[in-house]
Amino acid sequence: MRNVWLFLSLSLTLLGCSDTLTQPVRKFEVLTPRPFGYVIGDVIVHKIIIETRPGILLQPSSLPTQGAINRWLNLNEAIITETESDGGHKYHITLNYQIFYAPLEVKMLTLPGFEMAFSMGSKSVGQTVPPWHFTVSPLRELAVRKDAGGEYMRPDAQAEAINADSTVTGFALSLSIALLSAARLASLYGFWPFFRRRNIFKQALRKLDALSADDMDQVLTTMHQALNSLNGQPVFKHRLDIFYRKYPNYRQLGRELNWFFEYSSRYFFIGTENSGNVNLEKIKKLCQNCREIERGSR
């Protein structure tokens, strides 16, 4: 009985010291693409997923260095992404290889394996990435076949025809929108002769720019004519409410229009109103504001 207990104690001790309980890497997985059908210049991507126990860190210097590995193999890029996982670390490693081997016939090649190092305190442990075998094919046959027309060539697959109906429809709609937008802008800026009303205050501004304070008679007459042309009949101060109902956008200029009609009445009927540059500029400003409403920018 004593020997049995001694045997069980020794077994438990050995089990407690087993490497399976102290394995530094909890998960190790190498994801590889298809092992055939490659030609010179192709890129082969290998992905490695590793999960380690707490306190175990990957040594990036143990990975293959970027650049030429041998005469026909190059490592273009090595990307390492590290995250936390259950107290340990999870590594996603992407290795982008490119091959430069031009075989004369289908040939099997090998991506060399390597040893990944992990630090565990002052100690170092390793994990082997096995070599990977794949086949590479020639770009063309070694023995070139001939036919009656010369060298035998394999034609490229015919490209699928693209349905251009949606493109033509889209172009037609875009062109129509552009033309309508241009016509709208032209009408707002008074470029169409049949939209004369859109050009009333523009013409009035040109006349006012050529006049001075000494030409106040013409200044007032020009502004009155512009308002009358817009309304289709004479506009008077006591009928401005009717004018606003017909053209509500000009109601925002009510104070300026009231001043204009009062100033015009004093100038023409009383004759005591000063016709200085200040009043000229106020009339020009009123005409400019009317022009902005006329063109739709106010």
C-alpha atoms as a PDB file:
ATOM      1  CA  MET A   1       0.000   0.000   0.000  1.00  0.00           C
ATOM      2  CA  ARG A   2       2.853   2.316   0.790  1.00  0.00           C
ATOM      3  CA  ASN A   3       4.328   1.708  -2.663  1.00  0.00           C
ATOM      4  CA  VAL A   4       1.013   2.589  -4.314  1.00  0.00           C
ATOM      5  CA  TRP A   5       0.800   5.964  -2.557  1.00  0.00           C
ATOM      6  CA  LEU A   6       4.447   6.653  -3.435  1.00  0.00           C
ATOM      7  CA  PHE A   7       3.698   5.891  -7.109  1.00  0.00           C
ATOM      8  CA  LEU A   8       0.630   8.183  -7.153  1.00  0.00           C
ATOM      9  CA  SER A   9       2.558  11.046  -5.516  1.00  0.00           C
ATOM     10  CA  LEU A  10       5.370  10.744  -8.027  1.00  0.00           C
ATOM     11  CA  SER A  11       2.874  10.677 -10.940  1.00  0.00           C
ATOM     12  CA  LEU A  12       1.123  13.842  -9.728  1.00  0.00           C
ATOM     13  CA  THR A  13       4.491  15.568  -9.290  1.00  0.00           C
ATOM     14  CA  LEU A  14       5.544  14.710 -12.819  1.00  0.00           C
ATOM     15  CA  LEU A  15       2.158  15.830 -14.172  1.00  0.00           C
ATOM     16  CA  GLY A  16       2.512  19.169 -12.410  1.00  0.00           C
ATOM     17  CA  CYS A  17       5.880  19.670 -14.041  1.00  0.00           C
ATOM     18  CA  SER A  18       4.541  18.774 -17.490  1.00  0.00           C
ATOM     19  CA  ASP A  19       5.266  21.196 -20.354  1.00  0.00           C
ATOM     20  CA  THR A  20       1.574  21.297 -21.241  1.00  0.00           C
ATOM     21  CA  LEU A  21       0.897  23.447 -18.183  1.00  0.00           C
ATOM     22  CA  THR A  22       3.756  25.826 -18.860  1.00  0.00           C
ATOM     23  CA  GLN A  23       3.403  26.037 -22.617  1.00  0.00           C
ATOM     24  CA  PRO A  24       4.114  29.732 -23.450  1.00  0.00           C
ATOM     25  CA  VAL A  25       1.959  29.762 -26.599  1.00  0.00           C
ATOM     26  CA  ARG A  26      -1.719  28.960 -26.097  1.00  0.00           C
ATOM     27  CA  LYS A  27      -2.620  29.204 -29.778  1.00  0.00           C
ATOM     28  CA  PHE A  28      -0.471  29.022 -32.870  1.00  0.00           C
ATOM     29  CA  GLU A  29      -2.021  29.032 -36.354  1.00  0.00           C
ATOM     30  CA  VAL A  30      -0.474  29.610 -39.787  1.00  0.00           C
ATOM     31  CA  LEU A  31      -2.947  30.597 -42.527  1.00  0.00           C
ATOM     32  CA  THR A  32      -1.596  29.936 -46.008  1.00  0.00           C
ATOM     33  CA  PRO A  33      -3.108  30.406 -49.505  1.00  0.00           C
ATOM     34  CA  ARG A  34      -3.387  27.755 -52.234  1.00  0.00           C
ATOM     35  CA  PRO A  35      -0.087  25.901 -52.798  1.00  0.00           C
ATOM     36  CA  PHE A  36      -0.194  25.947 -56.629  1.00  0.00           C
ATOM     37  CA  GLY A  37      -0.758  28.147 -59.680  1.00  0.00           C
ATOM     38  CA  TYR A  38       1.870  30.858 -59.100  1.00  0.00           C
ATOM     39  CA  VAL A  39       4.013  32.604 -61.718  1.00  0.00           C
ATOM     40  CA  ILE A  40       6.908  35.019 -61.563  1.00  0.00           C
ATOM     41  CA  GLY A  41       6.035  38.272 -59.784  1.00  0.00           C
ATOM     42  CA  ASP A  42       3.120  36.883 -57.759  1.00  0.00           C
ATOM     43  CA  VAL A  43       2.680  37.911 -54.126  1.00  0.00           C
ATOM     44  CA  ILE A  44       2.063  35.207 -51.512  1.00  0.00           C
ATOM     45  CA  VAL A  45       0.526  36.266 -48.204  1.00  0.00           C
ATOM     46  CA  HIS A  46       1.037  34.245 -45.031  1.00  0.00           C
ATOM     47  CA  LYS A  47      -0.853  35.079 -41.846  1.00  0.00           C
ATOM     48  CA  ILE A  48       0.177  33.857 -38.410  1.00  0.00           C
ATOM     49  CA  ILE A  49      -2.082  34.063 -35.352  1.00  0.00           C
ATOM     50  CA  ILE A  50      -0.471  33.596 -31.940  1.00  0.00           C
ATOM     51  CA  GLU A  51      -1.892  33.820 -28.417  1.00  0.00           C
ATOM     52  CA  THR A  52       0.538  33.758 -25.494  1.00  0.00           C
ATOM     53  CA  ARG A  53       0.211  33.301 -21.751  1.00  0.00           C
ATOM     54  CA  PRO A  54       0.616  36.345 -19.429  1.00  0.00           C
ATOM     55  CA  GLY A  55       4.175  37.557 -19.269  1.00  0.00           C
ATOM     56  CA  ILE A  56       5.169  36.078 -22.645  1.00  0.00           C
ATOM     57  CA  LEU A  57       6.202  38.639 -25.276  1.00  0.00           C
ATOM     58  CA  LEU A  58       7.092  38.158 -28.919  1.00  0.00           C
ATOM     59  CA  GLN A  59      10.521  39.313 -30.060  1.00  0.00           C
ATOM     60  CA  PRO A  60       9.866  41.090 -33.412  1.00  0.00           C
ATOM     61  CA  SER A  61      13.536  40.746 -34.343  1.00  0.00           C
ATOM     62  CA  SER A  62      13.012  36.981 -34.673  1.00  0.00           C
ATOM     63  CA  LEU A  63      10.779  37.484 -37.704  1.00  0.00           C
ATOM     64  CA  PRO A  64      12.302  37.458 -41.200  1.00  0.00           C
ATOM     65  CA  THR A  65      13.744  40.827 -42.126  1.00  0.00           C
ATOM     66  CA  GLN A  66      12.256  42.793 -44.979  1.00  0.00           C
ATOM     67  CA  GLY A  67      14.153  42.455 -48.249  1.00  0.00           C
ATOM     68  CA  ALA A  68      15.718  39.628 -50.233  1.00  0.00           C
ATOM     69  CA  ILE A  69      15.567  36.219 -48.562  1.00  0.00           C
ATOM     70  CA  ASN A  70      17.288  34.358 -51.396  1.00  0.00           C
ATOM     71  CA  ARG A  71      17.880  34.855 -55.109  1.00  0.00           C
ATOM     72  CA  TRP A  72      14.236  34.316 -56.077  1.00  0.00           C
ATOM     73  CA  LEU A  73      12.283  35.294 -52.939  1.00  0.00           C
ATOM     74  CA  ASN A  74      11.677  38.697 -51.411  1.00  0.00           C
ATOM     75  CA  LEU A  75       9.800  39.717 -48.252  1.00  0.00           C
ATOM     76  CA  ASN A  76       8.047  42.953 -49.158  1.00  0.00           C
ATOM     77  CA  GLU A  77       6.362  43.629 -45.831  1.00  0.00           C
ATOM     78  CA  ALA A  78       5.960  42.204 -42.332  1.00  0.00           C
ATOM     79  CA  ILE A  79       3.030  43.619 -40.355  1.00  0.00           C
ATOM     80  CA  ILE A  80       2.540  42.857 -36.641  1.00  0.00           C
ATOM     81  CA  THR A  81      -0.675  43.729 -34.792  1.00  0.00           C
ATOM     82  CA  GLU A  82      -0.739  43.181 -31.033  1.00  0.00           C
ATOM     83  CA  THR A  83      -3.805  43.099 -28.738  1.00  0.00           C
ATOM     84  CA  GLU A  84      -4.547  42.008 -25.185  1.00  0.00           C
ATOM     85  CA  SER A  85      -6.188  38.594 -24.758  1.00  0.00           C
ATOM     86  CA  ASP A  86      -7.088  36.938 -21.417  1.00  0.00           C
ATOM     87  CA  GLY A  87      -4.178  38.540 -19.612  1.00  0.00           C
ATOM     88  CA  GLY A  88      -1.754  37.559 -22.338  1.00  0.00           C
ATOM     89  CA  HIS A  89      -1.074  38.871 -25.833  1.00  0.00           C
ATOM     90  CA  LYS A  90      -2.577  38.080 -29.217  1.00  0.00           C
ATOM     91  CA  TYR A  91      -0.453  38.682 -32.301  1.00  0.00           C
ATOM     92  CA  HIS A  92      -1.626  38.896 -35.909  1.00  0.00           C
ATOM     93  CA  ILE A  93       1.369  38.691 -38.225  1.00  0.00           C
ATOM     94  CA  THR A  94       1.105  39.228 -41.989  1.00  0.00           C
ATOM     95  CA  LEU A  95       4.052  38.321 -44.226  1.00  0.00           C
ATOM     96  CA  ASN A  96       3.909  39.448 -47.858  1.00  0.00           C
ATOM     97  CA  TYR A  97       6.318  37.411 -49.983  1.00  0.00           C
ATOM     98  CA  GLN A  98       7.004  37.981 -53.680  1.00  0.00           C
ATOM     99  CA  ILE A  99       8.530  35.375 -55.953  1.00  0.00           C
ATOM    100  CA  PHE A 100      10.900  36.070 -58.855  1.00  0.00           C
ATOM    101  CA  TYR A 101      11.444  32.561 -60.149  1.00  0.00           C
ATOM    102  CA  ALA A 102      10.901  31.896 -63.858  1.00  0.00           C
ATOM    103  CA  PRO A 103      10.797  28.102 -64.292  1.00  0.00           C
ATOM    104  CA  LEU A 104      10.902  26.319 -67.622  1.00  0.00           C
ATOM    105  CA  GLU A 105       8.316  23.849 -66.345  1.00  0.00           C
ATOM    106  CA  VAL A 106       6.114  23.452 -63.290  1.00  0.00           C
ATOM    107  CA  LYS A 107       8.436  23.390 -60.279  1.00  0.00           C
ATOM    108  CA  MET A 108       7.960  23.015 -56.555  1.00  0.00           C
ATOM    109  CA  LEU A 109       9.561  25.661 -54.348  1.00  0.00           C
ATOM    110  CA  THR A 110       9.696  26.170 -50.608  1.00  0.00           C
ATOM    111  CA  LEU A 111       9.214  29.218 -48.458  1.00  0.00           C
ATOM    112  CA  PRO A 112      11.795  28.687 -45.706  1.00  0.00           C
ATOM    113  CA  GLY A 113      10.603  28.197 -42.157  1.00  0.00           C
ATOM    114  CA  PHE A 114      11.972  30.175 -39.220  1.00  0.00           C
ATOM    115  CA  GLU A 115      12.057  30.194 -35.455  1.00  0.00           C
ATOM    116  CA  MET A 116      10.009  32.791 -33.589  1.00  0.00           C
ATOM    117  CA  ALA A 117      11.427  33.845 -30.231  1.00  0.00           C
ATOM    118  CA  PHE A 118       9.418  34.802 -27.124  1.00  0.00           C
ATOM    119  CA  SER A 119      10.786  36.355 -23.955  1.00  0.00           C
ATOM    120  CA  MET A 120       9.605  34.955 -20.610  1.00  0.00           C
ATOM    121  CA  GLY A 121      11.276  37.106 -18.012  1.00  0.00           C
ATOM    122  CA  SER A 122      14.975  36.466 -18.329  1.00  0.00           C
ATOM    123  CA  LYS A 123      14.370  33.320 -20.364  1.00  0.00           C
ATOM    124  CA  SER A 124      13.680  32.866 -24.049  1.00  0.00           C
ATOM    125  CA  VAL A 125      11.472  30.255 -25.678  1.00  0.00           C
ATOM    126  CA  GLY A 126      10.894  29.504 -29.351  1.00  0.00           C
ATOM    127  CA  GLN A 127       8.091  28.525 -31.716  1.00  0.00           C
ATOM    128  CA  THR A 128       8.874  27.035 -35.110  1.00  0.00           C
ATOM    129  CA  VAL A 129       7.082  28.234 -38.240  1.00  0.00           C
ATOM    130  CA  PRO A 130       7.362  25.288 -40.635  1.00  0.00           C
ATOM    131  CA  PRO A 131       8.470  25.656 -44.262  1.00  0.00           C
ATOM    132  CA  TRP A 132       5.730  25.870 -46.878  1.00  0.00           C
ATOM    133  CA  HIS A 133       5.828  24.114 -50.249  1.00  0.00           C
ATOM    134  CA  PHE A 134       4.123  25.408 -53.392  1.00  0.00           C
ATOM    135  CA  THR A 135       4.410  25.102 -57.160  1.00  0.00           C
ATOM    136  CA  VAL A 136       5.243  27.802 -59.673  1.00  0.00           C
ATOM    137  CA  SER A 137       4.465  27.591 -63.397  1.00  0.00           C
ATOM    138  CA  PRO A 138       6.201  29.027 -66.486  1.00  0.00           C
ATOM    139  CA  LEU A 139       4.658  31.944 -68.314  1.00  0.00           C
ATOM    140  CA  ARG A 140       4.745  30.070 -71.622  1.00  0.00           C
ATOM    141  CA  GLU A 141       5.617  26.669 -73.020  1.00  0.00           C
ATOM    142  CA  LEU A 142       9.238  25.628 -73.331  1.00  0.00           C
ATOM    143  CA  ALA A 143       8.692  24.238 -76.824  1.00  0.00           C
ATOM    144  CA  VAL A 144       6.904  26.881 -78.863  1.00  0.00           C
ATOM    145  CA  ARG A 145       4.264  25.441 -81.141  1.00  0.00           C
ATOM    146  CA  LYS A 146       3.786  26.802 -84.639  1.00  0.00           C
ATOM    147  CA  ASP A 147       0.787  26.917 -86.887  1.00  0.00           C
ATOM    148  CA  ALA A 148       0.253  28.024 -90.471  1.00  0.00           C
ATOM    149  CA  GLY A 149       0.037  31.668 -89.440  1.00  0.00           C
ATOM    150  CA  GLY A 150       3.204  31.702 -87.359  1.00  0.00           C
ATOM    151  CA  GLU A 151       3.720  31.346 -83.632  1.00  0.00           C
ATOM    152  CA  TYR A 152       0.933  29.722 -81.672  1.00  0.00           C
ATOM    153  CA  MET A 153      -0.457  32.139 -79.115  1.00  0.00           C
ATOM    154  CA  ARG A 154      -3.174  31.724 -76.520  1.00  0.00           C
ATOM    155  CA  PRO A 155      -5.561  34.659 -76.817  1.00  0.00           C
ATOM    156  CA  ASP A 156      -6.786  36.537 -73.786  1.00  0.00           C
ATOM    157  CA  ALA A 157     -10.310  35.900 -72.634  1.00  0.00           C
ATOM    158  CA  GLN A 158     -12.690  38.263 -74.350  1.00  0.00           C
ATOM    159  CA  ALA A 159     -13.802  41.068 -72.068  1.00  0.00           C
ATOM    160  CA  GLU A 160     -17.441  41.195 -71.149  1.00  0.00           C
ATOM    161  CA  ALA A 161     -19.302  43.984 -72.901  1.00  0.00           C
ATOM    162  CA  ILE A 162     -20.248  46.866 -70.654  1.00  0.00           C
ATOM    163  CA  ASN A 163     -23.836  48.036 -70.709  1.00  0.00           C
ATOM    164  CA  ALA A 164     -23.585  51.731 -71.576  1.00  0.00           C
ATOM    165  CA  ASP A 165     -27.301  52.478 -71.301  1.00  0.00           C
ATOM    166  CA  SER A 166     -27.025  53.811 -67.753  1.00  0.00           C
ATOM    167  CA  THR A 167     -23.984  55.891 -68.710  1.00  0.00           C
ATOM    168  CA  VAL A 168     -25.766  57.487 -71.661  1.00  0.00           C
ATOM    169  CA  THR A 169     -28.853  58.156 -69.549  1.00  0.00           C
ATOM    170  CA  GLY A 170     -26.760  59.691 -66.789  1.00  0.00           C
ATOM    171  CA  PHE A 171     -24.918  61.874 -69.277  1.00  0.00           C
ATOM    172  CA  ALA A 172     -28.205  63.062 -70.822  1.00  0.00           C
ATOM    173  CA  LEU A 173     -29.645  63.915 -67.407  1.00  0.00           C
ATOM    174  CA  SER A 174     -26.483  65.734 -66.354  1.00  0.00           C
ATOM    175  CA  LEU A 175     -26.426  67.710 -69.604  1.00  0.00           C
ATOM    176  CA  SER A 176     -30.097  68.638 -69.209  1.00  0.00           C
ATOM    177  CA  ILE A 177     -29.547  69.838 -65.645  1.00  0.00           C
ATOM    178  CA  ALA A 178     -26.513  71.871 -66.742  1.00  0.00           C
ATOM    179  CA  LEU A 179     -28.463  73.525 -69.575  1.00  0.00           C
ATOM    180  CA  LEU A 180     -31.419  74.314 -67.316  1.00  0.00           C
ATOM    181  CA  SER A 181     -29.076  75.767 -64.686  1.00  0.00           C
ATOM    182  CA  ALA A 182     -27.344  77.910 -67.313  1.00  0.00           C
ATOM    183  CA  ALA A 183     -30.700  79.144 -68.627  1.00  0.00           C
ATOM    184  CA  ARG A 184     -31.817  79.992 -65.094  1.00  0.00           C
ATOM    185  CA  LEU A 185     -28.656  81.964 -64.379  1.00  0.00           C
ATOM    186  CA  ALA A 186     -28.933  83.748 -67.719  1.00  0.00           C
ATOM    187  CA  SER A 187     -32.477  84.778 -66.902  1.00  0.00           C
ATOM    188  CA  LEU A 188     -31.470  85.996 -63.442  1.00  0.00           C
ATOM    189  CA  TYR A 189     -28.654  88.076 -64.881  1.00  0.00           C
ATOM    190  CA  GLY A 190     -30.854  89.480 -67.636  1.00  0.00           C
ATOM    191  CA  PHE A 191     -29.099  87.927 -70.618  1.00  0.00           C
ATOM    192  CA  TRP A 192     -32.331  86.779 -72.304  1.00  0.00           C
ATOM    193  CA  PRO A 193     -34.068  89.540 -74.270  1.00  0.00           C
ATOM    194  CA  PHE A 194     -37.520  88.183 -73.433  1.00  0.00           C
ATOM    195  CA  PHE A 195     -36.774  88.568 -69.703  1.00  0.00           C
ATOM    196  CA  ARG A 196     -36.566  92.338 -69.857  1.00  0.00           C
ATOM    197  CA  ARG A 197     -37.945  92.741 -66.357  1.00  0.00           C
ATOM    198  CA  ARG A 198     -34.885  91.004 -64.943  1.00  0.00           C
ATOM    199  CA  ASN A 199     -32.708  93.709 -66.459  1.00  0.00           C
ATOM    200  CA  ILE A 200     -34.571  96.855 -65.311  1.00  0.00           C
ATOM    201  CA  PHE A 201     -32.451  97.889 -62.334  1.00  0.00           C
ATOM    202  CA  LYS A 202     -29.249  96.766 -64.034  1.00  0.00           C
ATOM    203  CA  GLN A 203     -29.845  99.342 -66.763  1.00  0.00           C
ATOM    204  CA  ALA A 204     -30.891 101.922 -64.179  1.00  0.00           C
ATOM    205  CA  LEU A 205     -27.612 101.408 -62.282  1.00  0.00           C
ATOM    206  CA  ARG A 206     -25.621 102.038 -65.452  1.00  0.00           C
ATOM    207  CA  LYS A 207     -27.434 105.334 -65.987  1.00  0.00           C
ATOM    208  CA  LEU A 208     -26.983 106.385 -62.364  1.00  0.00           C
ATOM    209  CA  ASP A 209     -23.258 105.665 -62.493  1.00  0.00           C
ATOM    210  CA  ALA A 210     -22.950 108.214 -65.313  1.00  0.00           C
ATOM    211  CA  LEU A 211     -24.792 110.943 -63.347  1.00  0.00           C
ATOM    212  CA  SER A 212     -23.663 113.287 -60.577  1.00  0.00           C
ATOM    213  CA  ALA A 213     -25.374 115.211 -57.781  1.00  0.00           C
ATOM    214  CA  ASP A 214     -25.870 118.121 -60.177  1.00  0.00           C
ATOM    215  CA  ASP A 215     -28.089 115.846 -62.322  1.00  0.00           C
ATOM    216  CA  MET A 216     -30.532 115.049 -59.519  1.00  0.00           C
ATOM    217  CA  ASP A 217     -33.520 115.545 -61.839  1.00  0.00           C
ATOM    218  CA  GLN A 218     -32.279 112.709 -64.065  1.00  0.00           C
ATOM    219  CA  VAL A 219     -31.262 110.617 -61.041  1.00  0.00           C
ATOM    220  CA  LEU A 220     -34.770 110.708 -59.557  1.00  0.00           C
ATOM    221  CA  THR A 221     -36.407 110.231 -62.944  1.00  0.00           C
ATOM    222  CA  THR A 222     -34.254 107.179 -63.682  1.00  0.00           C
ATOM    223  CA  MET A 223     -35.209 105.538 -60.401  1.00  0.00           C
ATOM    224  CA  HIS A 224     -38.901 106.317 -60.876  1.00  0.00           C
ATOM    225  CA  GLN A 225     -38.830 104.903 -64.406  1.00  0.00           C
ATOM    226  CA  ALA A 226     -37.228 101.687 -63.146  1.00  0.00           C
ATOM    227  CA  LEU A 227     -39.938 101.189 -60.503  1.00  0.00           C
ATOM    228  CA  ASN A 228     -42.679 102.043 -63.006  1.00  0.00           C
ATOM    229  CA  SER A 229     -41.262  99.595 -65.562  1.00  0.00           C
ATOM    230  CA  LEU A 230     -41.215  96.846 -62.966  1.00  0.00           C
ATOM    231  CA  ASN A 231     -44.789  97.568 -61.863  1.00  0.00           C
ATOM    232  CA  GLY A 232     -46.156  98.096 -65.359  1.00  0.00           C
ATOM    233  CA  GLN A 233     -47.702 101.380 -64.205  1.00  0.00           C
ATOM    234  CA  PRO A 234     -46.630 104.394 -62.112  1.00  0.00           C
ATOM    235  CA  VAL A 235     -45.725 103.707 -58.493  1.00  0.00           C
ATOM    236  CA  PHE A 236     -46.733 106.268 -55.844  1.00  0.00           C
ATOM    237  CA  LYS A 237     -45.942 106.392 -52.165  1.00  0.00           C
ATOM    238  CA  HIS A 238     -49.569 105.997 -51.089  1.00  0.00           C
ATOM    239  CA  ARG A 239     -49.895 102.899 -53.330  1.00  0.00           C
ATOM    240  CA  LEU A 240     -46.766 101.098 -52.086  1.00  0.00           C
ATOM    241  CA  ASP A 241     -48.900  98.531 -50.230  1.00  0.00           C
ATOM    242  CA  ILE A 242     -50.401  97.459 -53.561  1.00  0.00           C
ATOM    243  CA  PHE A 243     -46.899  97.322 -55.046  1.00  0.00           C
ATOM    244  CA  TYR A 244     -45.701  95.114 -52.147  1.00  0.00           C
ATOM    245  CA  ARG A 245     -48.604  92.714 -52.595  1.00  0.00           C
ATOM    246  CA  LYS A 246     -47.638  92.355 -56.233  1.00  0.00           C
ATOM    247  CA  TYR A 247     -43.875  92.158 -55.540  1.00  0.00           C
ATOM    248  CA  PRO A 248     -43.486  90.998 -51.909  1.00  0.00           C
ATOM    249  CA  ASN A 249     -39.704  90.676 -52.131  1.00  0.00           C
ATOM    250  CA  TYR A 250     -39.390  94.463 -52.272  1.00  0.00           C
ATOM    251  CA  ARG A 251     -41.156  94.901 -48.929  1.00  0.00           C
ATOM    252  CA  GLN A 252     -37.788  94.492 -47.207  1.00  0.00           C
ATOM    253  CA  LEU A 253     -36.784  97.827 -48.785  1.00  0.00           C
ATOM    254  CA  GLY A 254     -39.847  99.599 -47.370  1.00  0.00           C
ATOM    255  CA  ARG A 255     -37.871 102.155 -45.350  1.00  0.00           C
ATOM    256  CA  GLU A 256     -35.589 103.061 -48.259  1.00  0.00           C
ATOM    257  CA  LEU A 257     -38.515 103.317 -50.707  1.00  0.00           C
ATOM    258  CA  ASN A 258     -40.483 105.562 -48.305  1.00  0.00           C
ATOM    259  CA  TRP A 259     -37.478 107.838 -47.989  1.00  0.00           C
ATOM    260  CA  PHE A 260     -37.030 107.924 -51.769  1.00  0.00           C
ATOM    261  CA  PHE A 261     -40.621 108.987 -52.486  1.00  0.00           C
ATOM    262  CA  GLU A 262     -40.575 111.605 -49.712  1.00  0.00           C
ATOM    263  CA  TYR A 263     -37.273 112.984 -50.934  1.00  0.00           C
ATOM    264  CA  SER A 264     -38.535 113.050 -54.553  1.00  0.00           C
ATOM    265  CA  SER A 265     -41.705 114.922 -53.513  1.00  0.00           C
ATOM    266  CA  ARG A 266     -39.749 117.540 -51.599  1.00  0.00           C
ATOM    267  CA  TYR A 267     -37.271 117.933 -54.430  1.00  0.00           C
ATOM    268  CA  PHE A 268     -39.787 118.288 -57.280  1.00  0.00           C
ATOM    269  CA  PHE A 269     -42.666 120.035 -55.534  1.00  0.00           C
ATOM    270  CA  ILE A 270     -41.059 122.066 -52.744  1.00  0.00           C
ATOM    271  CA  GLY A 271     -37.620 122.614 -54.184  1.00  0.00           C
ATOM    272  CA  THR A 272     -35.887 123.093 -50.837  1.00  0.00           C
ATOM    273  CA  GLU A 273     -34.240 119.639 -50.664  1.00  0.00           C
ATOM    274  CA  ASN A 274     -30.451 119.535 -50.778  1.00  0.00           C
ATOM    275  CA  SER A 275     -29.223 117.519 -53.758  1.00  0.00           C
ATOM    276  CA  GLY A 276     -25.785 116.652 -52.390  1.00  0.00           C
ATOM    277  CA  ASN A 277     -23.692 113.526 -52.926  1.00  0.00           C
ATOM    278  CA  VAL A 278     -25.119 111.878 -49.789  1.00  0.00           C
ATOM    279  CA  ASN A 279     -28.594 111.674 -51.335  1.00  0.00           C
ATOM    280  CA  LEU A 280     -27.146 110.508 -54.649  1.00  0.00           C
ATOM    281  CA  GLU A 281     -25.347 107.637 -52.931  1.00  0.00           C
ATOM    282  CA  LYS A 282     -28.492 106.662 -51.032  1.00  0.00           C
ATOM    283  CA  ILE A 283     -30.447 106.460 -54.301  1.00  0.00           C
ATOM    284  CA  LYS A 284     -27.676 104.399 -55.906  1.00  0.00           C
ATOM    285  CA  LYS A 285     -27.684 102.090 -52.885  1.00  0.00           C
ATOM    286  CA  LEU A 286     -31.477 101.700 -53.182  1.00  0.00           C
ATOM    287  CA  CYS A 287     -31.141 100.848 -56.874  1.00  0.00           C
ATOM    288  CA  GLN A 288     -28.386  98.348 -56.069  1.00  0.00           C
ATOM    289  CA  ASN A 289     -30.600  96.642 -53.477  1.00  0.00           C
ATOM    290  CA  CYS A 290     -33.447  96.480 -56.000  1.00  0.00           C
ATOM    291  CA  ARG A 291     -31.009  94.932 -58.471  1.00  0.00           C
ATOM    292  CA  GLU A 292     -30.080  92.210 -55.972  1.00  0.00           C
ATOM    293  CA  ILE A 293     -33.765  91.358 -55.473  1.00  0.00           C
ATOM    294  CA  GLU A 294     -34.257  91.442 -59.230  1.00  0.00           C
ATOM    295  CA  ARG A 295     -31.523  88.872 -59.811  1.00  0.00           C
ATOM    296  CA  GLY A 296     -32.663  86.690 -56.885  1.00  0.00           C
ATOM    297  CA  SER A 297     -29.586  87.144 -54.677  1.00  0.00           C
ATOM    298  CA  ARG A 298     -31.448  88.917 -51.862  1.00  0.00           C
END
